[in-house]
Amino acid sequence: AGQHQNGFITTQGGNLLCSKIIHLISQNYPQVKSEVSKVLHECEQRMYKSVAFPAIGTGQAGLSSAKVADEMLDAIVEFARQKSVQHLQTIKIVIFQTNMLTDFYESMKKIEDSDSSTTESWLSMFKSFFWGRKQSSEKKISMILEKKVNIVTFQICGKSQEKVAATEAWIKDLILKEQFESIIPLEAIENFDETQFAILEDLQRGKQVNIEILSKLSPPQIKISGISRDVCSVSLEVQEMVKKIKSSEEEQFKAELLYNLVEWRYLGSNDSFVAFDKLTNMQLEHAKMAGKPYLNVTIKKKNYKVDLKARRATDDQGNTKILQRVAKDEGK
């Protein structure tokens, strides 16, 4: 005898390759989303690790496969987002009619497009099923980029092996059409700090992409793979970030060279002159060489306006500091 619960009965698996069977007790027009949700929570409560669904309601109830796909996937997504889920790891949807695959695929696309910032790529999940789950983290400079991949499994059944193979090939083709990969050379990897790695993690978390740092190659590379539109946008952001790092490196190098020739200073509180930081030192010297009358600088987190001709810096309250320019090849 089965165990009667609210809206369903649970029995033993019998001759099927499963431990339990949950029989839904529904009306002629079942509330698919509600019933799927109830079964998922029942599985979690009983600590089941996997569950397989048919396309509920597409048989005698006569519901459209598109509507069923929307409701089933909505229920699965809502369930998967719950932090309390610990036991149920695999959810399968078994589809017998080939034409239904298109409806489920379109439903997944709608979910992805409507909530791309928080929903993992359904196509990436397909890819994990057909080609195996790929480790998506690469360690470099004690930083790790991690991306959790949730797996959705579709079990394909058909009248013959040829039809099953054809359907699998069709799904793989859909996946490949959506996938794209971008490689960005990364000579500046040694200058990456926690800020840059945090940016990469945010990009990976917010978009449907996987970011790998291939640090063992020469030169190192960043590989961005995933849905084409997100790969393109993330690649542009990463390239801009790398460009800024290179520009900052060049500025630091130029500032270091110039600091060996000229040193700008301001009169401190103890009547001794204090050297500006090297970047501000370069800005002051460039402004002088360009004949600019004024330049805005920061001294101890306060804004000052420098009169380059008078060699004075004035803050917003009218306080002034005397400046000094020392050419190091002439002595101090």
C-alpha atoms as a PDB file:
ATOM      1  CA  ALA A   1       0.000   0.000   0.000  1.00  0.00           C
ATOM      2  CA  GLY A   2       1.146   3.495  -0.708  1.00  0.00           C
ATOM      3  CA  GLN A   3       1.574   6.423   1.662  1.00  0.00           C
ATOM      4  CA  HIS A   4      -1.151   9.023   1.080  1.00  0.00           C
ATOM      5  CA  GLN A   5      -0.025  12.627   1.297  1.00  0.00           C
ATOM      6  CA  ASN A   6      -1.700  15.917   0.419  1.00  0.00           C
ATOM      7  CA  GLY A   7      -2.303  15.595  -3.330  1.00  0.00           C
ATOM      8  CA  PHE A   8      -0.212  12.499  -4.006  1.00  0.00           C
ATOM      9  CA  ILE A   9       0.460   8.909  -3.018  1.00  0.00           C
ATOM     10  CA  THR A  10       3.957   7.448  -2.600  1.00  0.00           C
ATOM     11  CA  THR A  11       4.574   3.772  -3.418  1.00  0.00           C
ATOM     12  CA  GLN A  12       7.591   1.527  -3.861  1.00  0.00           C
ATOM     13  CA  GLY A  13       9.449   1.577  -7.173  1.00  0.00           C
ATOM     14  CA  GLY A  14       8.405  -1.906  -8.171  1.00  0.00           C
ATOM     15  CA  ASN A  15      10.064  -3.031 -11.411  1.00  0.00           C
ATOM     16  CA  LEU A  16      11.230   0.488 -12.270  1.00  0.00           C
ATOM     17  CA  LEU A  17      14.809   1.574 -11.652  1.00  0.00           C
ATOM     18  CA  CYS A  18      13.871   3.844  -8.767  1.00  0.00           C
ATOM     19  CA  SER A  19      13.215   3.459  -5.054  1.00  0.00           C
ATOM     20  CA  LYS A  20       9.875   5.315  -4.868  1.00  0.00           C
ATOM     21  CA  ILE A  21       7.065   6.441  -7.167  1.00  0.00           C
ATOM     22  CA  ILE A  22       5.040   9.559  -6.364  1.00  0.00           C
ATOM     23  CA  HIS A  23       1.559   9.399  -7.944  1.00  0.00           C
ATOM     24  CA  LEU A  24      -0.100  12.794  -8.306  1.00  0.00           C
ATOM     25  CA  ILE A  25      -3.810  13.008  -7.523  1.00  0.00           C
ATOM     26  CA  SER A  26      -5.041  15.862  -9.683  1.00  0.00           C
ATOM     27  CA  GLN A  27      -8.119  17.214 -11.379  1.00  0.00           C
ATOM     28  CA  ASN A  28      -8.636  17.180 -15.136  1.00  0.00           C
ATOM     29  CA  TYR A  29      -6.660  20.431 -15.390  1.00  0.00           C
ATOM     30  CA  PRO A  30      -3.812  20.152 -12.893  1.00  0.00           C
ATOM     31  CA  GLN A  31      -1.945  23.137 -11.445  1.00  0.00           C
ATOM     32  CA  VAL A  32       1.383  21.990 -12.805  1.00  0.00           C
ATOM     33  CA  LYS A  33       3.635  24.483 -11.020  1.00  0.00           C
ATOM     34  CA  SER A  34       2.029  23.813  -7.641  1.00  0.00           C
ATOM     35  CA  GLU A  35       2.233  20.055  -8.031  1.00  0.00           C
ATOM     36  CA  VAL A  36       5.853  20.065  -9.161  1.00  0.00           C
ATOM     37  CA  SER A  37       6.716  22.305  -6.216  1.00  0.00           C
ATOM     38  CA  LYS A  38       4.971  19.946  -3.765  1.00  0.00           C
ATOM     39  CA  VAL A  39       6.862  16.943  -5.129  1.00  0.00           C
ATOM     40  CA  LEU A  40      10.211  18.747  -4.977  1.00  0.00           C
ATOM     41  CA  HIS A  41       9.689  19.728  -1.357  1.00  0.00           C
ATOM     42  CA  GLU A  42       8.545  16.201  -0.513  1.00  0.00           C
ATOM     43  CA  CYS A  43      11.738  14.811  -2.070  1.00  0.00           C
ATOM     44  CA  GLU A  44      13.864  17.271  -0.122  1.00  0.00           C
ATOM     45  CA  GLN A  45      12.059  16.464   3.116  1.00  0.00           C
ATOM     46  CA  ARG A  46      12.617  12.731   2.569  1.00  0.00           C
ATOM     47  CA  MET A  47      16.264  13.417   1.641  1.00  0.00           C
ATOM     48  CA  TYR A  48      15.964  11.955  -1.870  1.00  0.00           C
ATOM     49  CA  LYS A  49      18.969  12.817  -4.065  1.00  0.00           C
ATOM     50  CA  SER A  50      17.194  12.756  -7.444  1.00  0.00           C
ATOM     51  CA  VAL A  51      13.738  12.874  -9.003  1.00  0.00           C
ATOM     52  CA  ALA A  52      12.419  12.424 -12.558  1.00  0.00           C
ATOM     53  CA  PHE A  53       9.258  14.082 -13.918  1.00  0.00           C
ATOM     54  CA  PRO A  54       7.247  13.417 -17.077  1.00  0.00           C
ATOM     55  CA  ALA A  55       5.796  16.422 -18.904  1.00  0.00           C
ATOM     56  CA  ILE A  56       2.894  16.657 -16.461  1.00  0.00           C
ATOM     57  CA  GLY A  57      -0.543  17.365 -17.940  1.00  0.00           C
ATOM     58  CA  THR A  58       0.352  16.886 -21.599  1.00  0.00           C
ATOM     59  CA  GLY A  59      -1.445  13.514 -21.767  1.00  0.00           C
ATOM     60  CA  GLN A  60      -5.115  13.073 -20.933  1.00  0.00           C
ATOM     61  CA  ALA A  61      -5.344  16.511 -19.334  1.00  0.00           C
ATOM     62  CA  GLY A  62      -4.534  17.993 -22.752  1.00  0.00           C
ATOM     63  CA  LEU A  63      -2.402  20.912 -21.561  1.00  0.00           C
ATOM     64  CA  SER A  64      -0.079  22.507 -24.092  1.00  0.00           C
ATOM     65  CA  SER A  65       3.553  21.490 -23.758  1.00  0.00           C
ATOM     66  CA  ALA A  66       4.582  25.178 -23.839  1.00  0.00           C
ATOM     67  CA  LYS A  67       2.431  25.990 -20.800  1.00  0.00           C
ATOM     68  CA  VAL A  68       3.633  22.873 -18.983  1.00  0.00           C
ATOM     69  CA  ALA A  69       7.272  23.736 -19.727  1.00  0.00           C
ATOM     70  CA  ASP A  70       6.841  27.248 -18.314  1.00  0.00           C
ATOM     71  CA  GLU A  71       5.176  26.043 -15.127  1.00  0.00           C
ATOM     72  CA  MET A  72       7.519  23.114 -14.489  1.00  0.00           C
ATOM     73  CA  LEU A  73      10.657  25.173 -15.014  1.00  0.00           C
ATOM     74  CA  ASP A  74       9.298  28.041 -12.898  1.00  0.00           C
ATOM     75  CA  ALA A  75       8.759  25.603 -10.037  1.00  0.00           C
ATOM     76  CA  ILE A  76      12.228  24.091 -10.436  1.00  0.00           C
ATOM     77  CA  VAL A  77      13.963  27.488 -10.546  1.00  0.00           C
ATOM     78  CA  GLU A  78      12.104  28.734  -7.456  1.00  0.00           C
ATOM     79  CA  PHE A  79      12.974  25.532  -5.610  1.00  0.00           C
ATOM     80  CA  ALA A  80      16.646  25.625  -6.624  1.00  0.00           C
ATOM     81  CA  ARG A  81      17.030  29.183  -5.351  1.00  0.00           C
ATOM     82  CA  GLN A  82      16.053  28.244  -1.825  1.00  0.00           C
ATOM     83  CA  LYS A  83      19.072  28.187   0.463  1.00  0.00           C
ATOM     84  CA  SER A  84      17.472  25.472   2.607  1.00  0.00           C
ATOM     85  CA  VAL A  85      17.798  22.861  -0.177  1.00  0.00           C
ATOM     86  CA  GLN A  86      20.505  20.387   0.828  1.00  0.00           C
ATOM     87  CA  HIS A  87      19.589  16.874  -0.306  1.00  0.00           C
ATOM     88  CA  LEU A  88      17.937  16.967  -3.754  1.00  0.00           C
ATOM     89  CA  GLN A  89      20.749  17.293  -6.293  1.00  0.00           C
ATOM     90  CA  THR A  90      19.370  16.065  -9.636  1.00  0.00           C
ATOM     91  CA  ILE A  91      16.045  16.909 -11.283  1.00  0.00           C
ATOM     92  CA  LYS A  92      15.197  15.152 -14.556  1.00  0.00           C
ATOM     93  CA  ILE A  93      12.416  15.916 -17.008  1.00  0.00           C
ATOM     94  CA  VAL A  94      11.639  12.948 -19.238  1.00  0.00           C
ATOM     95  CA  ILE A  95      10.211  13.899 -22.631  1.00  0.00           C
ATOM     96  CA  PHE A  96       8.894  11.265 -25.036  1.00  0.00           C
ATOM     97  CA  GLN A  97       7.633  13.525 -27.840  1.00  0.00           C
ATOM     98  CA  THR A  98      10.380  15.174 -29.899  1.00  0.00           C
ATOM     99  CA  ASN A  99       8.263  18.249 -30.662  1.00  0.00           C
ATOM    100  CA  MET A 100       8.061  19.088 -26.953  1.00  0.00           C
ATOM    101  CA  LEU A 101      11.813  19.691 -26.775  1.00  0.00           C
ATOM    102  CA  THR A 102      11.405  22.982 -28.634  1.00  0.00           C
ATOM    103  CA  ASP A 103       8.805  24.206 -26.121  1.00  0.00           C
ATOM    104  CA  PHE A 104      11.036  23.356 -23.165  1.00  0.00           C
ATOM    105  CA  TYR A 105      14.027  24.981 -24.850  1.00  0.00           C
ATOM    106  CA  GLU A 106      12.076  28.192 -25.522  1.00  0.00           C
ATOM    107  CA  SER A 107      10.845  28.211 -21.932  1.00  0.00           C
ATOM    108  CA  MET A 108      14.421  27.996 -20.688  1.00  0.00           C
ATOM    109  CA  LYS A 109      15.412  30.874 -22.945  1.00  0.00           C
ATOM    110  CA  LYS A 110      12.599  33.014 -21.516  1.00  0.00           C
ATOM    111  CA  ILE A 111      13.740  32.334 -17.952  1.00  0.00           C
ATOM    112  CA  GLU A 112      17.323  33.119 -18.862  1.00  0.00           C
ATOM    113  CA  ASP A 113      16.445  36.382 -20.620  1.00  0.00           C
ATOM    114  CA  SER A 114      14.125  37.568 -17.837  1.00  0.00           C
ATOM    115  CA  ASP A 115      16.587  37.000 -15.006  1.00  0.00           C
ATOM    116  CA  SER A 116      20.070  36.781 -16.476  1.00  0.00           C
ATOM    117  CA  SER A 117      21.739  38.273 -13.377  1.00  0.00           C
ATOM    118  CA  THR A 118      20.802  35.441 -11.021  1.00  0.00           C
ATOM    119  CA  THR A 119      19.844  32.440 -13.120  1.00  0.00           C
ATOM    120  CA  GLU A 120      22.557  30.059 -14.252  1.00  0.00           C
ATOM    121  CA  SER A 121      22.641  29.452 -17.991  1.00  0.00           C
ATOM    122  CA  TRP A 122      20.307  26.611 -18.927  1.00  0.00           C
ATOM    123  CA  LEU A 123      22.364  25.964 -22.039  1.00  0.00           C
ATOM    124  CA  SER A 124      25.479  25.649 -19.892  1.00  0.00           C
ATOM    125  CA  MET A 125      23.613  23.094 -17.832  1.00  0.00           C
ATOM    126  CA  PHE A 126      22.758  21.133 -21.005  1.00  0.00           C
ATOM    127  CA  LYS A 127      26.419  21.220 -21.944  1.00  0.00           C
ATOM    128  CA  SER A 128      27.403  19.859 -18.531  1.00  0.00           C
ATOM    129  CA  PHE A 129      25.095  16.895 -19.101  1.00  0.00           C
ATOM    130  CA  PHE A 130      26.257  15.955 -22.599  1.00  0.00           C
ATOM    131  CA  TRP A 131      30.010  16.663 -22.302  1.00  0.00           C
ATOM    132  CA  GLY A 132      30.612  16.359 -18.608  1.00  0.00           C
ATOM    133  CA  ARG A 133      30.971  18.895 -15.879  1.00  0.00           C
ATOM    134  CA  LYS A 134      34.054  21.055 -16.272  1.00  0.00           C
ATOM    135  CA  GLN A 135      35.892  22.479 -13.327  1.00  0.00           C
ATOM    136  CA  SER A 136      35.467  26.223 -13.661  1.00  0.00           C
ATOM    137  CA  SER A 137      38.067  27.537 -11.248  1.00  0.00           C
ATOM    138  CA  GLU A 138      41.719  28.378 -11.813  1.00  0.00           C
ATOM    139  CA  LYS A 139      44.101  29.250  -9.007  1.00  0.00           C
ATOM    140  CA  LYS A 140      46.457  32.165  -9.479  1.00  0.00           C
ATOM    141  CA  ILE A 141      48.179  34.345  -6.884  1.00  0.00           C
ATOM    142  CA  SER A 142      46.127  32.698  -4.131  1.00  0.00           C
ATOM    143  CA  MET A 143      42.899  33.887  -5.798  1.00  0.00           C
ATOM    144  CA  ILE A 144      40.234  31.474  -7.091  1.00  0.00           C
ATOM    145  CA  LEU A 145      37.429  32.182  -9.521  1.00  0.00           C
ATOM    146  CA  GLU A 146      34.556  29.865  -8.746  1.00  0.00           C
ATOM    147  CA  LYS A 147      31.234  29.382 -10.462  1.00  0.00           C
ATOM    148  CA  LYS A 148      28.594  27.014  -9.179  1.00  0.00           C
ATOM    149  CA  VAL A 149      27.053  24.990 -11.980  1.00  0.00           C
ATOM    150  CA  ASN A 150      23.576  23.571 -11.437  1.00  0.00           C
ATOM    151  CA  ILE A 151      22.838  20.577 -13.618  1.00  0.00           C
ATOM    152  CA  VAL A 152      19.521  19.879 -15.316  1.00  0.00           C
ATOM    153  CA  THR A 153      19.229  16.471 -16.974  1.00  0.00           C
ATOM    154  CA  PHE A 154      16.889  15.644 -19.820  1.00  0.00           C
ATOM    155  CA  GLN A 155      16.403  11.949 -20.442  1.00  0.00           C
ATOM    156  CA  ILE A 156      15.614  11.313 -24.109  1.00  0.00           C
ATOM    157  CA  CYS A 157      13.434   8.333 -24.960  1.00  0.00           C
ATOM    158  CA  GLY A 158      12.355   7.286 -28.451  1.00  0.00           C
ATOM    159  CA  LYS A 159      11.145   4.474 -30.635  1.00  0.00           C
ATOM    160  CA  SER A 160      14.632   3.708 -31.854  1.00  0.00           C
ATOM    161  CA  GLN A 161      18.263   4.441 -31.108  1.00  0.00           C
ATOM    162  CA  GLU A 162      18.461   6.446 -34.333  1.00  0.00           C
ATOM    163  CA  LYS A 163      15.691   8.814 -33.214  1.00  0.00           C
ATOM    164  CA  VAL A 164      17.281   9.270 -29.798  1.00  0.00           C
ATOM    165  CA  ALA A 165      20.657   9.968 -31.421  1.00  0.00           C
ATOM    166  CA  ALA A 166      19.070  12.458 -33.818  1.00  0.00           C
ATOM    167  CA  THR A 167      17.390  14.304 -30.946  1.00  0.00           C
ATOM    168  CA  GLU A 168      20.632  14.408 -28.955  1.00  0.00           C
ATOM    169  CA  ALA A 169      22.461  15.783 -32.003  1.00  0.00           C
ATOM    170  CA  TRP A 170      19.775  18.445 -32.421  1.00  0.00           C
ATOM    171  CA  ILE A 171      20.163  19.580 -28.803  1.00  0.00           C
ATOM    172  CA  LYS A 172      23.958  19.642 -29.109  1.00  0.00           C
ATOM    173  CA  ASP A 173      23.614  21.807 -32.209  1.00  0.00           C
ATOM    174  CA  LEU A 174      21.437  24.269 -30.272  1.00  0.00           C
ATOM    175  CA  ILE A 175      24.053  24.404 -27.535  1.00  0.00           C
ATOM    176  CA  LEU A 176      26.936  25.030 -29.933  1.00  0.00           C
ATOM    177  CA  LYS A 177      25.031  27.824 -31.685  1.00  0.00           C
ATOM    178  CA  GLU A 178      24.684  29.636 -28.361  1.00  0.00           C
ATOM    179  CA  GLN A 179      28.251  29.088 -27.159  1.00  0.00           C
ATOM    180  CA  PHE A 180      31.166  31.425 -27.800  1.00  0.00           C
ATOM    181  CA  GLU A 181      34.716  31.758 -26.526  1.00  0.00           C
ATOM    182  CA  SER A 182      37.065  34.713 -26.245  1.00  0.00           C
ATOM    183  CA  ILE A 183      40.803  34.633 -25.415  1.00  0.00           C
ATOM    184  CA  ILE A 184      42.497  37.741 -24.015  1.00  0.00           C
ATOM    185  CA  PRO A 185      46.311  37.917 -23.585  1.00  0.00           C
ATOM    186  CA  LEU A 186      47.212  38.879 -20.030  1.00  0.00           C
ATOM    187  CA  GLU A 187      50.840  39.919 -19.639  1.00  0.00           C
ATOM    188  CA  ALA A 188      49.841  42.025 -16.615  1.00  0.00           C
ATOM    189  CA  ILE A 189      48.640  39.068 -14.525  1.00  0.00           C
ATOM    190  CA  GLU A 190      51.381  39.605 -11.929  1.00  0.00           C
ATOM    191  CA  ASN A 191      49.894  43.044 -11.246  1.00  0.00           C
ATOM    192  CA  PHE A 192      46.408  41.704 -10.551  1.00  0.00           C
ATOM    193  CA  ASP A 193      45.349  42.241  -6.970  1.00  0.00           C
ATOM    194  CA  GLU A 194      42.177  41.482  -5.001  1.00  0.00           C
ATOM    195  CA  THR A 195      40.347  44.326  -6.740  1.00  0.00           C
ATOM    196  CA  GLN A 196      40.823  42.852 -10.219  1.00  0.00           C
ATOM    197  CA  PHE A 197      39.925  39.334  -9.105  1.00  0.00           C
ATOM    198  CA  ALA A 198      36.808  40.666  -7.384  1.00  0.00           C
ATOM    199  CA  ILE A 199      35.787  42.361 -10.647  1.00  0.00           C
ATOM    200  CA  LEU A 200      36.234  39.094 -12.553  1.00  0.00           C
ATOM    201  CA  GLU A 201      34.198  37.203  -9.957  1.00  0.00           C
ATOM    202  CA  ASP A 202      31.402  39.789 -10.163  1.00  0.00           C
ATOM    203  CA  LEU A 203      31.360  39.570 -13.960  1.00  0.00           C
ATOM    204  CA  GLN A 204      31.216  35.776 -13.838  1.00  0.00           C
ATOM    205  CA  ARG A 205      28.528  35.821 -11.185  1.00  0.00           C
ATOM    206  CA  GLY A 206      26.353  38.366 -12.985  1.00  0.00           C
ATOM    207  CA  LYS A 207      26.646  37.014 -16.530  1.00  0.00           C
ATOM    208  CA  GLN A 208      26.222  33.628 -18.193  1.00  0.00           C
ATOM    209  CA  VAL A 209      29.963  33.101 -18.630  1.00  0.00           C
ATOM    210  CA  ASN A 210      32.829  31.072 -17.253  1.00  0.00           C
ATOM    211  CA  ILE A 211      36.153  32.884 -16.752  1.00  0.00           C
ATOM    212  CA  GLU A 212      39.394  30.921 -16.615  1.00  0.00           C
ATOM    213  CA  ILE A 213      42.832  32.362 -15.897  1.00  0.00           C
ATOM    214  CA  LEU A 214      45.367  30.326 -17.861  1.00  0.00           C
ATOM    215  CA  SER A 215      48.416  31.435 -15.906  1.00  0.00           C
ATOM    216  CA  LYS A 216      50.734  28.631 -17.052  1.00  0.00           C
ATOM    217  CA  LEU A 217      50.691  29.767 -20.685  1.00  0.00           C
ATOM    218  CA  SER A 218      53.186  32.252 -22.052  1.00  0.00           C
ATOM    219  CA  PRO A 219      51.896  34.885 -22.113  1.00  0.00           C
ATOM    220  CA  PRO A 220      49.104  34.152 -19.603  1.00  0.00           C
ATOM    221  CA  GLN A 221      45.543  34.365 -20.937  1.00  0.00           C
ATOM    222  CA  ILE A 222      42.003  34.915 -19.737  1.00  0.00           C
ATOM    223  CA  LYS A 223      39.501  32.587 -21.422  1.00  0.00           C
ATOM    224  CA  ILE A 224      35.873  33.692 -21.364  1.00  0.00           C
ATOM    225  CA  SER A 225      33.295  31.158 -22.515  1.00  0.00           C
ATOM    226  CA  GLY A 226      29.522  30.946 -22.421  1.00  0.00           C
ATOM    227  CA  ILE A 227      26.526  32.497 -24.150  1.00  0.00           C
ATOM    228  CA  SER A 228      27.728  34.640 -27.042  1.00  0.00           C
ATOM    229  CA  ARG A 229      26.101  37.954 -26.085  1.00  0.00           C
ATOM    230  CA  ASP A 230      27.494  37.801 -22.538  1.00  0.00           C
ATOM    231  CA  VAL A 231      30.939  36.669 -23.680  1.00  0.00           C
ATOM    232  CA  CYS A 232      31.176  39.726 -25.954  1.00  0.00           C
ATOM    233  CA  SER A 233      30.133  42.211 -23.251  1.00  0.00           C
ATOM    234  CA  VAL A 234      32.355  40.636 -20.570  1.00  0.00           C
ATOM    235  CA  SER A 235      35.319  40.527 -22.975  1.00  0.00           C
ATOM    236  CA  LEU A 236      34.997  44.257 -23.586  1.00  0.00           C
ATOM    237  CA  GLU A 237      34.927  44.939 -19.841  1.00  0.00           C
ATOM    238  CA  VAL A 238      37.945  42.708 -19.193  1.00  0.00           C
ATOM    239  CA  GLN A 239      39.879  44.320 -22.056  1.00  0.00           C
ATOM    240  CA  GLU A 240      39.100  47.749 -20.619  1.00  0.00           C
ATOM    241  CA  MET A 241      40.277  46.595 -17.194  1.00  0.00           C
ATOM    242  CA  VAL A 242      43.543  45.234 -18.643  1.00  0.00           C
ATOM    243  CA  LYS A 243      44.001  48.455 -20.603  1.00  0.00           C
ATOM    244  CA  LYS A 244      43.646  50.500 -17.403  1.00  0.00           C
ATOM    245  CA  ILE A 245      46.189  48.298 -15.615  1.00  0.00           C
ATOM    246  CA  LYS A 246      48.702  48.720 -18.445  1.00  0.00           C
ATOM    247  CA  SER A 247      48.095  52.461 -18.527  1.00  0.00           C
ATOM    248  CA  SER A 248      48.601  52.666 -14.769  1.00  0.00           C
ATOM    249  CA  GLU A 249      51.855  50.692 -15.059  1.00  0.00           C
ATOM    250  CA  GLU A 250      53.135  53.043 -17.745  1.00  0.00           C
ATOM    251  CA  GLU A 251      52.238  56.093 -15.663  1.00  0.00           C
ATOM    252  CA  GLN A 252      54.008  54.669 -12.629  1.00  0.00           C
ATOM    253  CA  PHE A 253      57.117  53.949 -14.704  1.00  0.00           C
ATOM    254  CA  LYS A 254      57.167  57.466 -16.173  1.00  0.00           C
ATOM    255  CA  ALA A 255      56.601  58.983 -12.731  1.00  0.00           C
ATOM    256  CA  GLU A 256      59.506  56.966 -11.331  1.00  0.00           C
ATOM    257  CA  LEU A 257      61.849  58.180 -14.074  1.00  0.00           C
ATOM    258  CA  LEU A 258      60.820  61.802 -13.648  1.00  0.00           C
ATOM    259  CA  TYR A 259      61.148  61.609  -9.863  1.00  0.00           C
ATOM    260  CA  ASN A 260      64.843  60.817 -10.346  1.00  0.00           C
ATOM    261  CA  LEU A 261      65.197  64.167 -12.129  1.00  0.00           C
ATOM    262  CA  VAL A 262      62.769  66.579 -10.444  1.00  0.00           C
ATOM    263  CA  GLU A 263      61.103  66.627  -7.037  1.00  0.00           C
ATOM    264  CA  TRP A 264      58.148  68.861  -6.097  1.00  0.00           C
ATOM    265  CA  ARG A 265      57.582  69.534  -2.403  1.00  0.00           C
ATOM    266  CA  TYR A 266      55.205  71.442  -0.122  1.00  0.00           C
ATOM    267  CA  LEU A 267      55.946  73.093   3.217  1.00  0.00           C
ATOM    268  CA  GLY A 268      54.696  70.865   6.033  1.00  0.00           C
ATOM    269  CA  SER A 269      53.426  71.736   9.500  1.00  0.00           C
ATOM    270  CA  ASN A 270      56.869  71.500  11.105  1.00  0.00           C
ATOM    271  CA  ASP A 271      58.401  73.999   8.652  1.00  0.00           C
ATOM    272  CA  SER A 272      60.108  71.276   6.635  1.00  0.00           C
ATOM    273  CA  PHE A 273      59.389  70.430   3.021  1.00  0.00           C
ATOM    274  CA  VAL A 274      57.553  67.178   2.210  1.00  0.00           C
ATOM    275  CA  ALA A 275      57.802  65.485  -1.185  1.00  0.00           C
ATOM    276  CA  PHE A 276      54.647  64.923  -3.229  1.00  0.00           C
ATOM    277  CA  ASP A 277      53.822  61.361  -4.274  1.00  0.00           C
ATOM    278  CA  LYS A 278      55.412  60.415  -7.586  1.00  0.00           C
ATOM    279  CA  LEU A 279      52.270  60.675  -9.726  1.00  0.00           C
ATOM    280  CA  THR A 280      51.403  64.133  -8.380  1.00  0.00           C
ATOM    281  CA  ASN A 281      55.048  65.095  -8.832  1.00  0.00           C
ATOM    282  CA  MET A 282      54.774  64.159 -12.525  1.00  0.00           C
ATOM    283  CA  GLN A 283      51.490  66.037 -12.943  1.00  0.00           C
ATOM    284  CA  LEU A 284      53.019  69.192 -11.477  1.00  0.00           C
ATOM    285  CA  GLU A 285      56.084  68.976 -13.693  1.00  0.00           C
ATOM    286  CA  HIS A 286      54.020  68.316 -16.839  1.00  0.00           C
ATOM    287  CA  ALA A 287      51.734  71.243 -16.013  1.00  0.00           C
ATOM    288  CA  LYS A 288      54.764  73.521 -15.575  1.00  0.00           C
ATOM    289  CA  MET A 289      56.301  72.360 -18.862  1.00  0.00           C
ATOM    290  CA  ALA A 290      52.978  72.895 -20.658  1.00  0.00           C
ATOM    291  CA  GLY A 291      52.777  76.448 -19.338  1.00  0.00           C
ATOM    292  CA  LYS A 292      49.575  75.889 -17.368  1.00  0.00           C
ATOM    293  CA  PRO A 293      48.879  78.526 -14.693  1.00  0.00           C
ATOM    294  CA  TYR A 294      46.992  76.251 -12.272  1.00  0.00           C
ATOM    295  CA  LEU A 295      46.644  72.613 -11.291  1.00  0.00           C
ATOM    296  CA  ASN A 296      44.393  70.900  -8.748  1.00  0.00           C
ATOM    297  CA  VAL A 297      46.156  68.467  -6.405  1.00  0.00           C
ATOM    298  CA  THR A 298      45.448  66.598  -3.181  1.00  0.00           C
ATOM    299  CA  ILE A 299      47.530  67.013  -0.022  1.00  0.00           C
ATOM    300  CA  LYS A 300      46.607  64.797   2.943  1.00  0.00           C
ATOM    301  CA  LYS A 301      43.150  64.125   1.468  1.00  0.00           C
ATOM    302  CA  LYS A 302      42.395  67.835   1.066  1.00  0.00           C
ATOM    303  CA  ASN A 303      41.963  69.568  -2.295  1.00  0.00           C
ATOM    304  CA  TYR A 304      44.333  72.360  -3.221  1.00  0.00           C
ATOM    305  CA  LYS A 305      44.646  74.662  -6.209  1.00  0.00           C
ATOM    306  CA  VAL A 306      48.280  75.175  -7.174  1.00  0.00           C
ATOM    307  CA  ASP A 307      49.450  78.484  -8.642  1.00  0.00           C
ATOM    308  CA  LEU A 308      52.414  77.178 -10.613  1.00  0.00           C
ATOM    309  CA  LYS A 309      53.944  80.599 -11.200  1.00  0.00           C
ATOM    310  CA  ALA A 310      53.734  81.718  -7.565  1.00  0.00           C
ATOM    311  CA  ARG A 311      54.538  78.191  -6.302  1.00  0.00           C
ATOM    312  CA  ARG A 312      51.647  78.262  -3.814  1.00  0.00           C
ATOM    313  CA  ALA A 313      48.815  75.798  -3.095  1.00  0.00           C
ATOM    314  CA  THR A 314      45.499  77.097  -1.670  1.00  0.00           C
ATOM    315  CA  ASP A 315      42.706  74.967  -0.185  1.00  0.00           C
ATOM    316  CA  ASP A 316      38.949  75.665  -0.132  1.00  0.00           C
ATOM    317  CA  GLN A 317      39.228  77.621   3.134  1.00  0.00           C
ATOM    318  CA  GLY A 318      41.965  79.890   1.786  1.00  0.00           C
ATOM    319  CA  ASN A 319      44.855  78.230   3.621  1.00  0.00           C
ATOM    320  CA  THR A 320      48.074  78.218   1.609  1.00  0.00           C
ATOM    321  CA  LYS A 321      51.173  76.088   1.396  1.00  0.00           C
ATOM    322  CA  ILE A 322      54.471  77.110  -0.157  1.00  0.00           C
ATOM    323  CA  LEU A 323      55.780  74.809  -2.896  1.00  0.00           C
ATOM    324  CA  GLN A 324      59.343  74.033  -3.886  1.00  0.00           C
ATOM    325  CA  ARG A 325      60.714  72.513  -7.082  1.00  0.00           C
ATOM    326  CA  VAL A 326      64.111  70.792  -6.846  1.00  0.00           C
ATOM    327  CA  ALA A 327      66.037  69.691  -9.918  1.00  0.00           C
ATOM    328  CA  LYS A 328      67.997  66.730  -8.547  1.00  0.00           C
ATOM    329  CA  ASP A 329      70.813  66.981 -11.072  1.00  0.00           C
ATOM    330  CA  GLU A 330      71.477  70.446  -9.714  1.00  0.00           C
ATOM    331  CA  GLY A 331      71.591  69.281  -6.106  1.00  0.00           C
ATOM    332  CA  LYS A 332      69.252  70.006  -3.262  1.00  0.00           C
END
